[in-house]
Amino acid sequence: NYMQAVMEGGEATLDDEVARFTFANELRDLATWAYKSSEYVGEEVLAYLPIPGEYIACGDLDTLTGGKAWSE
């Protein structure tokens, strides 16, 4: 309803509960992104390859990265 009112050029009101939820959700996403993109986590915690090597399309995650997610 909020987006529809904004698109039509009318006056839009946003429920406080929805605004709080959206803010908290965005804050959590930004905090997760900041953690995953930090230098220490990128190089020490996640799988990190500074110069990309060969492309292995159907490799096993445990074999390729030691079970870690790739760094961003």
C-alpha atoms as a PDB file:
ATOM      1  CA  ASN A   1       0.000   0.000   0.000  1.00  0.00           C
ATOM      2  CA  TYR A   2       2.836   2.395   0.850  1.00  0.00           C
ATOM      3  CA  MET A   3       4.648   1.902  -2.464  1.00  0.00           C
ATOM      4  CA  GLN A   4       1.409   2.119  -4.430  1.00  0.00           C
ATOM      5  CA  ALA A   5       0.538   5.438  -2.771  1.00  0.00           C
ATOM      6  CA  VAL A   6       4.030   6.800  -3.500  1.00  0.00           C
ATOM      7  CA  MET A   7       3.854   5.721  -7.145  1.00  0.00           C
ATOM      8  CA  GLU A   8       0.463   7.384  -7.590  1.00  0.00           C
ATOM      9  CA  GLY A   9       1.782  10.632  -6.117  1.00  0.00           C
ATOM     10  CA  GLY A  10      -0.506  10.530  -3.117  1.00  0.00           C
ATOM     11  CA  GLU A  11       0.291  10.909   0.549  1.00  0.00           C
ATOM     12  CA  ALA A  12       1.798   7.736   1.942  1.00  0.00           C
ATOM     13  CA  THR A  13       1.927   6.690   5.557  1.00  0.00           C
ATOM     14  CA  LEU A  14       4.045   3.864   6.870  1.00  0.00           C
ATOM     15  CA  ASP A  15       3.077   1.848   9.928  1.00  0.00           C
ATOM     16  CA  ASP A  16       5.635   2.177  12.754  1.00  0.00           C
ATOM     17  CA  GLU A  17       5.924  -1.581  13.178  1.00  0.00           C
ATOM     18  CA  VAL A  18       6.682  -2.073   9.477  1.00  0.00           C
ATOM     19  CA  ALA A  19       9.249   0.736   9.541  1.00  0.00           C
ATOM     20  CA  ARG A  20      11.005  -0.775  12.577  1.00  0.00           C
ATOM     21  CA  PHE A  21      11.086  -4.233  11.014  1.00  0.00           C
ATOM     22  CA  THR A  22      12.467  -2.894   7.726  1.00  0.00           C
ATOM     23  CA  PHE A  23      15.139  -0.878   9.540  1.00  0.00           C
ATOM     24  CA  ALA A  24      16.203  -3.846  11.667  1.00  0.00           C
ATOM     25  CA  ASN A  25      16.314  -6.128   8.633  1.00  0.00           C
ATOM     26  CA  GLU A  26      18.468  -3.677   6.634  1.00  0.00           C
ATOM     27  CA  LEU A  27      20.770  -3.125   9.616  1.00  0.00           C
ATOM     28  CA  ARG A  28      21.260  -6.877  10.011  1.00  0.00           C
ATOM     29  CA  ASP A  29      22.012  -7.277   6.302  1.00  0.00           C
ATOM     30  CA  LEU A  30      24.563  -4.447   6.385  1.00  0.00           C
ATOM     31  CA  ALA A  31      26.247  -5.859   9.491  1.00  0.00           C
ATOM     32  CA  THR A  32      26.497  -9.291   7.859  1.00  0.00           C
ATOM     33  CA  TRP A  33      27.938  -7.758   4.689  1.00  0.00           C
ATOM     34  CA  ALA A  34      30.468  -5.719   6.715  1.00  0.00           C
ATOM     35  CA  TYR A  35      31.568  -8.843   8.604  1.00  0.00           C
ATOM     36  CA  LYS A  36      31.950 -10.959   5.481  1.00  0.00           C
ATOM     37  CA  SER A  37      33.793  -8.260   3.550  1.00  0.00           C
ATOM     38  CA  SER A  38      36.339  -7.415   6.257  1.00  0.00           C
ATOM     39  CA  GLU A  39      39.949  -8.273   5.431  1.00  0.00           C
ATOM     40  CA  TYR A  40      40.510 -10.696   8.344  1.00  0.00           C
ATOM     41  CA  VAL A  41      37.334 -12.694   7.768  1.00  0.00           C
ATOM     42  CA  GLY A  42      37.870 -12.680   4.000  1.00  0.00           C
ATOM     43  CA  GLU A  43      41.363 -14.090   4.243  1.00  0.00           C
ATOM     44  CA  GLU A  44      41.318 -16.181   7.438  1.00  0.00           C
ATOM     45  CA  VAL A  45      37.751 -17.427   7.971  1.00  0.00           C
ATOM     46  CA  LEU A  46      36.292 -17.759   4.480  1.00  0.00           C
ATOM     47  CA  ALA A  47      37.869 -19.458   1.477  1.00  0.00           C
ATOM     48  CA  TYR A  48      40.005 -16.817  -0.247  1.00  0.00           C
ATOM     49  CA  LEU A  49      41.840 -16.945  -3.530  1.00  0.00           C
ATOM     50  CA  PRO A  50      43.469 -13.582  -4.350  1.00  0.00           C
ATOM     51  CA  ILE A  51      44.157 -14.526  -7.965  1.00  0.00           C
ATOM     52  CA  PRO A  52      41.369 -16.689  -9.363  1.00  0.00           C
ATOM     53  CA  GLY A  53      42.611 -19.961 -10.734  1.00  0.00           C
ATOM     54  CA  GLU A  54      41.003 -22.644 -12.773  1.00  0.00           C
ATOM     55  CA  TYR A  55      37.253 -23.035 -13.109  1.00  0.00           C
ATOM     56  CA  ILE A  56      35.907 -26.320 -11.740  1.00  0.00           C
ATOM     57  CA  ALA A  57      32.205 -26.514 -12.550  1.00  0.00           C
ATOM     58  CA  CYS A  58      31.153 -29.602 -10.621  1.00  0.00           C
ATOM     59  CA  GLY A  59      33.651 -29.781  -7.767  1.00  0.00           C
ATOM     60  CA  ASP A  60      32.832 -30.836  -4.232  1.00  0.00           C
ATOM     61  CA  LEU A  61      32.709 -27.944  -1.724  1.00  0.00           C
ATOM     62  CA  ASP A  62      34.809 -29.829   0.839  1.00  0.00           C
ATOM     63  CA  THR A  63      37.474 -30.576  -1.752  1.00  0.00           C
ATOM     64  CA  LEU A  64      37.596 -27.080  -3.259  1.00  0.00           C
ATOM     65  CA  THR A  65      37.358 -24.866  -0.154  1.00  0.00           C
ATOM     66  CA  GLY A  66      37.768 -27.110   2.861  1.00  0.00           C
ATOM     67  CA  GLY A  67      34.054 -26.680   3.645  1.00  0.00           C
ATOM     68  CA  LYS A  68      34.262 -22.865   3.820  1.00  0.00           C
ATOM     69  CA  ALA A  69      32.128 -20.358   1.925  1.00  0.00           C
ATOM     70  CA  TRP A  70      33.897 -18.188  -0.660  1.00  0.00           C
ATOM     71  CA  SER A  71      35.011 -14.720   0.378  1.00  0.00           C
ATOM     72  CA  GLU A  72      33.420 -11.757  -1.417  1.00  0.00           C
END
